[in-house]
C-alpha cells in the first residue's frame, strides 16, 4: 500500500534480560522517549497501535496490554488497538497506523512494540512459539516439520523440537539444509552472517549482545541443531520500541528538521499456494513506493536465524535466487559495503523480543536516515527497507510486512 505518513519521533529500550521490569514499564520507557524525540506530549496522541505477541502466554496479560501500558503513563480515552501477529506484530501495528494516517483519520498516532520472553519457567517461552502455527490442525507443528523435512530430504528430531529449543530452529535448520543442497551455500557463509551482524551489534549500545565474533568462533560454538550453532539463532529477549507517526499536514506544522517519510508498507498473509510470500510482499512495497532494490541504502530484515538472512536477500531482490551466500563472501551487506543489512545487529545480536522486533527495525532505519547512528552510521542513507515476518501456515510465513522509508531534504 502506498503511504503518506511521517515518523516524527522514535524511542527504544535496550534489548536483553529484564526479569524484574514489568512489561508495561518497558513499553512506557519507549513511549516516553518517542514522544520526547517528537517534541509532543501525551495529549497530542489521537490513537495508539500497541503490539504484543506473547504476553498472554508468558505473563498472563491478555487482551488489553496496550491499555494497561498507556494507562500507566496517564494516557486514556483515545482508541487503543492491540495487535498480535507473530513476529510481524509491531510491523503490522505500524502498517495499520500509517494506513489510518494516510487515509486522513488521524494526524498523530503512537505505535509501540513491547515484549517479555524471559521467564523463570522456560516452558512458557517455548509455548509462545508453539502457538504460532495452526494448533487445531490434526498434526499441527509435527506435520509442518515433516513436510519441510521431506523437501530437504532429512529426518525430523521430534524428541527435541519444541522441547530443548524453539521449534522454529528446526524449521530454519531444514530450510538451511535445503538451501545448501540446492545452491551450494556453505556453513561458513551462514556463520558469516552472524559474524557480520556481531560487528554491527558491537556498535549498537541498545543491542542485547555487543561482543564481536569471528566466523571461526561462530562455528566453534555449541550446536543447537545442524547446521546452526547458538550464535546463528536469534535469542529470546525483552524490550520495547516506539514511533510517533504523523500526517503530512502535521509534519509541516511541526517543522520537522529531518523528516522521514513512509513511502509504502505491505502486509500479506501466507497462502501456501505461492511459497515466495516474502517476494510477493516485497514486490507490493517496491511498486507502491516507486523504488526497487537498487535504490536502497540499507535494509533491516528478519534474521531469526543466520540462514534466514541469506534466503531473505534473495526474495527481497537483493540478489538472484541461490546467490545470497555470495553477498556475505563479498562483504556487500557489511557496514561500508554496497548495501548494509542489519546494521543494528539484527535479530541475531540486537535480540528478538517478538512483539518489539518490527518497531525496533523501524527505529534503526529512521535514525539512520536522520544520520543519528554514530559509529554504525550508513553513509548518505536515503532509502531504507524493513522486512519482518513470522508464524507458519503450511510452508509459508503466516504474516509478512515490508515497509520502505525515505529521507526528505
Protein backbone atom coordinates (compact mmCIF):
# COMPACT_ATOMS: atom_id res chain seq x y z
CA UNK A 1 0.00 0.00 0.00
CA UNK A 2 1.26 3.46 -0.87
CA UNK A 3 1.54 5.56 2.26
CA UNK A 4 1.72 9.26 3.03
CA UNK A 5 2.88 9.45 6.62
CA UNK A 6 5.92 10.68 8.51
CA UNK A 7 7.87 9.50 11.54
CA UNK A 8 8.16 12.37 14.00
CA UNK A 9 9.90 10.60 16.87
CA UNK A 10 11.34 7.27 17.98
CA UNK A 11 12.28 5.58 21.24
CA UNK A 12 13.69 2.23 22.28
CA UNK A 13 14.93 0.38 25.35
CA UNK A 14 18.00 -1.78 25.30
CA UNK A 15 17.02 -5.34 24.40
CA UNK A 16 18.06 -8.04 26.86
CA UNK A 17 17.00 -9.78 30.03
CA UNK A 18 14.63 -7.65 32.12
CA UNK A 19 13.16 -10.18 34.54
CA UNK A 20 12.49 -7.58 37.23
CA UNK A 21 10.98 -4.94 34.93
CA UNK A 22 7.20 -5.11 34.31
CA UNK A 23 6.07 -5.44 30.72
CA UNK A 24 4.13 -2.17 30.90
CA UNK A 25 7.23 -0.35 32.20
CA UNK A 26 9.28 -1.42 29.18
CA UNK A 27 6.55 -0.08 26.90
CA UNK A 28 6.32 3.12 28.91
CA UNK A 29 10.04 3.82 28.65
CA UNK A 30 10.00 3.54 24.85
CA UNK A 31 6.80 5.61 24.50
CA UNK A 32 8.12 8.44 26.68
CA UNK A 33 11.35 8.55 24.68
CA UNK A 34 9.48 8.63 21.35
CA UNK A 35 7.21 11.46 22.49
CA UNK A 36 10.17 13.47 23.77
CA UNK A 37 12.01 12.86 20.50
CA UNK A 38 8.99 14.19 18.60
CA UNK A 39 8.56 17.16 20.93
CA UNK A 40 4.98 16.09 21.67
CA UNK A 41 3.04 15.30 24.84
CA UNK A 42 0.51 12.67 25.85
CA UNK A 43 -2.44 14.83 24.87
CA UNK A 44 -1.25 15.07 21.27
CA UNK A 45 -1.79 11.35 20.65
CA UNK A 46 -5.06 10.65 18.84
CA UNK A 47 -4.79 6.85 18.63
CA UNK A 48 -2.37 4.08 19.56
CA UNK A 49 -1.50 0.77 17.94
CA UNK A 50 0.17 -1.45 20.53
CA UNK A 51 1.95 -4.64 19.50
CA UNK A 52 2.49 -7.52 21.91
CA UNK A 53 2.65 -11.15 20.81
CA UNK A 54 3.31 -13.39 23.79
CA UNK A 55 2.11 -11.55 26.90
CA UNK A 56 -0.85 -13.86 27.32
CA UNK A 57 1.33 -16.97 27.44
CA UNK A 58 4.38 -15.61 29.25
CA UNK A 59 2.94 -13.02 31.66
CA UNK A 60 -0.75 -13.93 31.62
CA UNK A 61 -1.58 -10.44 30.32
CA UNK A 62 -4.32 -10.98 27.76
CA UNK A 63 -6.45 -8.70 25.59
CA UNK A 64 -5.73 -5.21 27.00
CA UNK A 65 -1.95 -4.99 27.20
CA UNK A 66 -1.91 -1.70 25.29
CA UNK A 67 -4.43 -0.02 27.56
CA UNK A 68 -2.55 -1.27 30.63
CA UNK A 69 0.77 0.14 29.40
CA UNK A 70 -0.67 3.51 28.37
CA UNK A 71 -2.80 3.94 31.50
CA UNK A 72 0.42 3.72 33.48
CA UNK A 73 1.62 6.81 31.56
CA UNK A 74 -1.62 8.69 32.12
CA UNK A 75 -2.84 8.13 28.56
CA UNK A 76 -6.51 7.18 28.17
CA UNK A 77 -9.73 7.88 26.29
CA UNK A 78 -8.11 7.54 22.85
CA UNK A 79 -8.67 4.47 20.64
CA UNK A 80 -6.14 1.77 21.53
CA UNK A 81 -5.78 -1.16 19.14
CA UNK A 82 -3.95 -4.22 20.44
CA UNK A 83 -2.10 -6.05 17.67
CA UNK A 84 -0.85 -9.65 17.72
CA UNK A 85 0.61 -11.06 14.50
CA UNK A 86 3.50 -13.41 15.34
CA UNK A 87 6.96 -11.91 14.75
CA UNK A 88 5.36 -9.30 12.48
CA UNK A 89 3.28 -7.97 15.39
CA UNK A 90 4.58 -4.41 15.69
CA UNK A 91 5.38 -4.19 11.97
CA UNK A 92 1.67 -4.82 11.49
CA UNK A 93 0.82 -2.16 14.10
CA UNK A 94 2.98 0.28 12.15
CA UNK A 95 1.34 -0.69 8.86
CA UNK A 96 -2.15 -0.09 10.28
CA UNK A 97 -1.21 3.19 11.94
CA UNK A 98 0.30 4.53 8.71
CA UNK A 99 -2.80 3.45 6.78
CA UNK A 100 -5.07 5.36 9.16
CA UNK A 101 -2.90 8.47 8.96
CA UNK A 102 -2.71 8.20 5.15
CA UNK A 103 -6.50 7.88 5.00
CA UNK A 104 -6.86 11.09 6.99
CA UNK A 105 -8.43 9.67 10.14
CA UNK A 106 -5.65 10.85 12.45
CA UNK A 107 -2.77 13.34 12.49
CA UNK A 108 -0.78 11.83 15.36
CA UNK A 109 -0.65 8.09 16.10
CA UNK A 110 1.54 6.19 18.54
CA UNK A 111 2.99 2.80 17.58
CA UNK A 112 4.67 0.60 20.19
CA UNK A 113 6.00 -2.94 20.18
CA UNK A 114 6.78 -4.46 23.58
CA UNK A 115 7.59 -7.94 24.82
CA UNK A 116 8.98 -10.01 27.68
CA UNK A 117 10.08 -13.53 26.72
CA UNK A 118 12.43 -14.34 29.60
CA UNK A 119 10.67 -16.26 32.36
CA UNK A 120 11.84 -18.50 35.18
CA UNK A 121 9.72 -21.23 33.60
CA UNK A 122 11.28 -21.78 30.16
CA UNK A 123 8.31 -23.91 29.12
CA UNK A 124 6.22 -20.73 28.94
CA UNK A 125 8.63 -19.19 26.46
CA UNK A 126 8.67 -22.28 24.23
CA UNK A 127 4.86 -22.43 24.41
CA UNK A 128 4.66 -18.92 22.93
CA UNK A 129 6.43 -20.15 19.81
CA UNK A 130 4.49 -23.41 19.65
CA UNK A 131 1.28 -21.42 19.24
CA UNK A 132 2.46 -19.70 16.05
CA UNK A 133 1.05 -22.48 13.84
CA UNK A 134 -2.41 -23.92 13.20
CA UNK A 135 -2.81 -25.69 16.55
CA UNK A 136 -6.19 -27.15 15.55
CA UNK A 137 -4.73 -29.00 12.60
CA UNK A 138 -4.55 -32.70 13.42
CA UNK A 139 -0.77 -32.99 13.31
CA UNK A 140 -0.03 -29.28 13.97
CA UNK A 141 3.66 -28.47 14.03
CA UNK A 142 4.58 -32.13 13.58
CA UNK A 143 3.06 -32.14 10.11
CA UNK A 144 4.69 -28.85 9.14
CA UNK A 145 8.12 -30.09 10.20
CA UNK A 146 7.63 -33.37 8.35
CA UNK A 147 6.65 -31.53 5.16
CA UNK A 148 9.78 -29.37 5.35
CA UNK A 149 11.93 -32.41 6.10
CA UNK A 150 10.55 -34.21 3.06
CA UNK A 151 11.51 -31.23 0.88
CA UNK A 152 15.03 -31.20 2.35
CA UNK A 153 15.40 -34.99 2.28
CA UNK A 154 16.03 -35.05 6.02
CA UNK A 155 14.64 -36.58 9.20
CA UNK A 156 12.92 -34.60 11.96
CA UNK A 157 14.28 -34.70 15.51
CA UNK A 158 10.87 -34.94 17.15
CA UNK A 159 12.40 -35.81 20.52
CA UNK A 160 13.87 -32.30 20.95
CA UNK A 161 11.92 -29.99 18.62
CA UNK A 162 10.00 -27.52 20.77
CA UNK A 163 11.35 -29.07 23.99
CA UNK A 164 15.06 -28.31 24.29
CA UNK A 165 14.90 -25.48 21.73
CA UNK A 166 12.34 -23.36 19.90
CA UNK A 167 10.61 -25.43 17.25
CA UNK A 168 11.39 -22.68 14.76
CA UNK A 169 15.09 -23.56 14.97
CA UNK A 170 14.16 -26.93 13.48
CA UNK A 171 12.34 -25.10 10.70
CA UNK A 172 15.37 -22.91 10.00
CA UNK A 173 17.66 -25.92 10.11
CA UNK A 174 15.65 -27.71 7.43
CA UNK A 175 15.46 -24.54 5.35
CA UNK A 176 19.24 -24.14 5.59
CA UNK A 177 19.95 -27.72 4.59
CA UNK A 178 17.67 -27.40 1.56
CA UNK A 179 19.48 -24.20 0.50
CA UNK A 180 22.86 -25.90 0.87
CA UNK A 181 21.74 -28.83 -1.27
CA UNK A 182 20.08 -26.70 -3.94
CA UNK A 183 22.64 -23.89 -4.29
CA UNK A 184 25.87 -24.98 -2.64
CA UNK A 185 25.58 -22.49 0.19
CA UNK A 186 28.12 -23.25 2.92
CA UNK A 187 28.04 -23.37 6.71
CA UNK A 188 30.83 -20.78 6.64
CA UNK A 189 28.55 -18.37 4.78
CA UNK A 190 25.83 -18.85 7.40
CA UNK A 191 28.40 -18.21 10.11
CA UNK A 192 29.50 -15.14 8.15
CA UNK A 193 26.04 -13.65 8.63
CA UNK A 194 26.40 -13.88 12.41
CA UNK A 195 29.98 -12.57 12.33
CA UNK A 196 28.85 -9.56 10.27
CA UNK A 197 25.88 -8.84 12.50
CA UNK A 198 28.03 -9.25 15.61
CA UNK A 199 30.28 -6.47 14.31
CA UNK A 200 27.24 -4.28 13.75
CA UNK A 201 25.84 -5.17 17.19
CA UNK A 202 29.14 -4.27 18.84
CA UNK A 203 28.49 -0.69 17.68
CA UNK A 204 24.90 -0.57 18.98
CA UNK A 205 24.51 0.34 22.68
CA UNK A 206 20.93 -0.97 22.66
CA UNK A 207 21.84 -4.41 21.31
CA UNK A 208 21.44 -7.45 23.56
CA UNK A 209 24.86 -8.83 22.55
CA UNK A 210 27.71 -6.40 21.90
CA UNK A 211 30.66 -8.77 21.53
CA UNK A 212 32.15 -9.14 18.04
CA UNK A 213 32.68 -12.70 16.84
CA UNK A 214 34.75 -14.25 14.04
CA UNK A 215 33.42 -16.89 11.67
CA UNK A 216 35.59 -19.43 13.47
CA UNK A 217 34.15 -18.51 16.85
CA UNK A 218 30.62 -18.85 15.49
CA UNK A 219 31.35 -22.30 14.07
CA UNK A 220 33.07 -23.47 17.26
CA UNK A 221 30.08 -22.53 19.43
CA UNK A 222 27.62 -25.05 20.82
CA UNK A 223 25.48 -26.70 18.15
CA UNK A 224 21.73 -26.25 18.52
CA UNK A 225 20.76 -28.35 15.51
CA UNK A 226 22.85 -28.83 12.39
CA UNK A 227 23.94 -26.58 10.73
CA UNK A 228 23.02 -24.00 13.37
CA UNK A 229 25.26 -23.14 16.29
CA UNK A 230 23.97 -20.98 19.14
CA UNK A 231 25.09 -17.62 17.66
CA UNK A 232 23.33 -18.49 14.39
CA UNK A 233 19.98 -18.50 16.23
CA UNK A 234 18.25 -15.31 17.33
CA UNK A 235 17.98 -15.12 21.12
CA UNK A 236 14.83 -14.53 23.07
CA UNK A 237 14.73 -11.11 24.70
CA UNK A 238 12.79 -8.44 26.49
CA UNK A 239 12.35 -4.85 25.34
CA UNK A 240 10.25 -2.21 23.65
CA UNK A 241 10.43 0.25 20.77
CA UNK A 242 8.03 3.03 19.79
CA UNK A 243 7.39 5.51 17.00
CA UNK A 244 5.18 8.57 16.59
CA UNK A 245 3.57 8.60 13.14
CA UNK A 246 2.13 11.89 11.86
CA UNK A 247 0.31 13.15 8.78
CA UNK A 248 1.94 15.32 6.13
CA UNK A 249 -0.08 18.25 7.43
CA UNK A 250 1.14 17.71 10.98
CA UNK A 251 4.72 17.20 9.83
CA UNK A 252 4.70 20.58 8.10
CA UNK A 253 3.07 22.19 11.12
CA UNK A 254 5.78 20.74 13.37
CA UNK A 255 8.55 21.84 11.01
CA UNK A 256 10.40 18.53 11.28
CA UNK A 257 14.09 19.21 10.69
CA UNK A 258 14.96 15.77 9.29
CA UNK A 259 11.66 14.36 8.04
CA UNK A 260 11.43 10.64 7.35
CA UNK A 261 8.55 9.72 5.09
CA UNK A 262 6.82 6.35 4.94
CA UNK A 263 6.62 5.58 1.21
CA UNK A 264 4.90 2.22 1.45
CA UNK A 265 4.03 -0.68 3.73
CA UNK A 266 2.77 -4.06 2.54
CA UNK A 267 1.14 -6.55 4.91
CA UNK A 268 0.46 -10.02 3.49
CA UNK A 269 -0.52 -13.44 4.80
CA UNK A 270 0.86 -16.85 3.92
CA UNK A 271 -1.29 -18.76 1.46
CA UNK A 272 0.73 -21.93 0.89
CA UNK A 273 0.00 -21.70 -2.82
CA UNK A 274 2.88 -19.37 -3.63
CA UNK A 275 5.83 -20.21 -1.37
CA UNK A 276 7.56 -16.90 -2.14
CA UNK A 277 5.32 -14.89 0.17
CA UNK A 278 8.31 -12.70 1.04
CA UNK A 279 8.91 -11.87 -2.60
CA UNK A 280 5.21 -11.07 -3.01
CA UNK A 281 5.25 -8.63 -0.08
CA UNK A 282 8.46 -7.00 -1.29
CA UNK A 283 7.06 -6.61 -4.80
CA UNK A 284 4.00 -4.82 -3.46
CA UNK A 285 6.13 -2.50 -1.31
CA UNK A 286 8.54 -1.65 -4.12
CA UNK A 287 5.72 -0.96 -6.58
CA UNK A 288 3.83 1.27 -4.14
CA UNK A 289 6.97 3.21 -3.21
CA UNK A 290 8.13 3.60 -6.80
CA UNK A 291 11.60 2.24 -5.99
CA UNK A 292 13.49 -1.02 -6.41
CA UNK A 293 16.23 -2.94 -4.61
CA UNK A 294 18.83 -0.90 -6.49
CA UNK A 295 17.59 2.27 -4.79
CA UNK A 296 18.03 1.07 -1.22
CA UNK A 297 20.66 2.48 1.14
CA UNK A 298 20.16 -0.08 3.89
CA UNK A 299 17.92 -2.97 4.94
CA UNK A 300 16.76 -4.30 8.31
CA UNK A 301 15.44 -7.81 7.74
CA UNK A 302 14.13 -10.73 9.76
CA UNK A 303 17.27 -12.75 10.56
CA UNK A 304 15.62 -15.07 13.07
CA UNK A 305 18.44 -17.41 12.08
CA UNK A 306 21.59 -16.80 10.05
CA UNK A 307 20.25 -18.80 7.05
CA UNK A 308 17.07 -16.69 7.17
CA UNK A 309 19.08 -13.61 6.26
CA UNK A 310 20.67 -15.24 3.22
CA UNK A 311 17.30 -16.52 1.98
CA UNK A 312 15.75 -13.08 2.55
CA UNK A 313 18.43 -11.44 0.37
CA UNK A 314 17.01 -13.47 -2.49
CA UNK A 315 13.29 -12.93 -2.10
CA UNK A 316 13.78 -9.22 -1.36
CA UNK A 317 15.52 -8.96 -4.73
CA UNK A 318 18.95 -8.00 -3.36
CA UNK A 319 20.45 -10.79 -5.47
CA UNK A 320 19.35 -13.66 -7.68
CA UNK A 321 17.99 -16.86 -6.15
CA UNK A 322 20.77 -19.03 -4.80
CA UNK A 323 23.31 -16.18 -4.67
CA UNK A 324 22.70 -14.98 -1.11
CA UNK A 325 25.87 -16.56 0.22
CA UNK A 326 27.94 -14.59 -2.28
CA UNK A 327 26.84 -11.30 -0.71
CA UNK A 328 28.40 -12.44 2.56
CA UNK A 329 31.64 -13.51 0.88
CA UNK A 330 31.93 -10.19 -0.94
CA UNK A 331 31.10 -8.03 2.08
CA UNK A 332 28.21 -6.41 0.22
CA UNK A 333 25.91 -6.36 3.25
CA UNK A 334 28.50 -5.33 5.85
CA UNK A 335 28.72 -1.75 7.11
CA UNK A 336 30.76 0.05 4.46
CA UNK A 337 29.59 -2.37 1.76
CA UNK A 338 27.34 -1.56 -1.17
CA UNK A 339 24.11 -2.38 0.71
CA UNK A 340 24.46 -2.74 4.51
CA UNK A 341 21.98 -5.15 6.06
CA UNK A 342 21.05 -5.34 9.75
CA UNK A 343 23.42 -2.57 10.84
CA UNK A 344 21.56 -2.64 14.18
CA UNK A 345 22.97 -6.12 14.77
CA UNK A 346 19.77 -7.69 13.50
CA UNK A 347 17.68 -10.11 15.49
CA UNK A 348 20.77 -12.29 15.89
CA UNK A 349 22.64 -9.74 18.02
CA UNK A 350 20.22 -6.94 18.85
CA UNK A 351 17.79 -9.60 20.11
CA UNK A 352 14.31 -10.80 19.24
CA UNK A 353 11.58 -9.85 21.72
CA UNK A 354 8.89 -10.87 19.25
CA UNK A 355 6.40 -8.04 19.65
CA UNK A 356 9.11 -5.35 19.68
CA UNK A 357 11.31 -6.58 16.83
CA UNK A 358 9.42 -4.86 13.99
CA UNK A 359 9.32 -1.42 15.58
CA UNK A 360 12.99 -1.76 16.53
CA UNK A 361 13.85 -2.22 12.84
CA UNK A 362 11.91 0.95 12.01
CA UNK A 363 13.62 2.90 14.80
CA UNK A 364 17.01 1.88 13.37
CA UNK A 365 16.11 2.89 9.83
CA UNK A 366 14.65 6.22 10.96
CA UNK A 367 17.77 7.08 12.94
CA UNK A 368 20.00 6.00 10.04
CA UNK A 369 18.10 8.21 7.60
CA UNK A 370 18.49 11.09 10.03
CA UNK A 371 22.22 10.50 10.46
CA UNK A 372 21.96 9.72 14.18
CA UNK A 373 23.75 6.36 14.43
CA UNK A 374 27.32 7.37 15.26
CA UNK A 375 29.94 4.71 14.56
CA UNK A 376 27.47 2.44 12.74
CA UNK A 377 26.10 5.20 10.51
CA UNK A 378 25.48 4.23 6.88
CA UNK A 379 26.97 6.93 4.70
CA UNK A 380 24.41 9.12 2.90
CA UNK A 381 21.48 6.88 3.84
CA UNK A 382 18.41 7.96 1.87
CA UNK A 383 16.04 4.97 1.50
CA UNK A 384 15.63 2.07 3.91
CA UNK A 385 13.59 -1.14 3.83
CA UNK A 386 12.30 -3.05 6.87
CA UNK A 387 11.21 -6.67 6.46
CA UNK A 388 9.59 -8.73 9.20
CA UNK A 389 7.68 -11.98 9.15
CA UNK A 390 6.62 -14.77 11.44
CA UNK A 391 4.39 -17.66 12.32
CA UNK A 392 3.82 -20.54 9.94
CA UNK A 393 0.89 -21.53 7.76
CA UNK A 394 1.61 -24.62 5.70
CA UNK A 395 5.07 -23.89 4.33
CA UNK A 396 4.66 -20.09 4.37
CA UNK A 397 5.31 -17.40 6.93
CA UNK A 398 1.87 -16.63 8.36
CA UNK A 399 2.40 -12.85 8.31
CA UNK A 400 4.93 -10.69 6.48
CA UNK A 401 5.37 -6.92 6.42
CA UNK A 402 7.71 -4.93 4.18
CA UNK A 403 7.91 -1.17 4.72
CA UNK A 404 10.00 1.42 2.86
CA UNK A 405 11.08 4.73 4.39
CA UNK A 406 12.86 7.69 2.79
CA UNK A 407 14.71 10.78 3.94
CA UNK A 408 13.36 14.09 2.70
CA UNK A 409 15.73 17.04 2.38
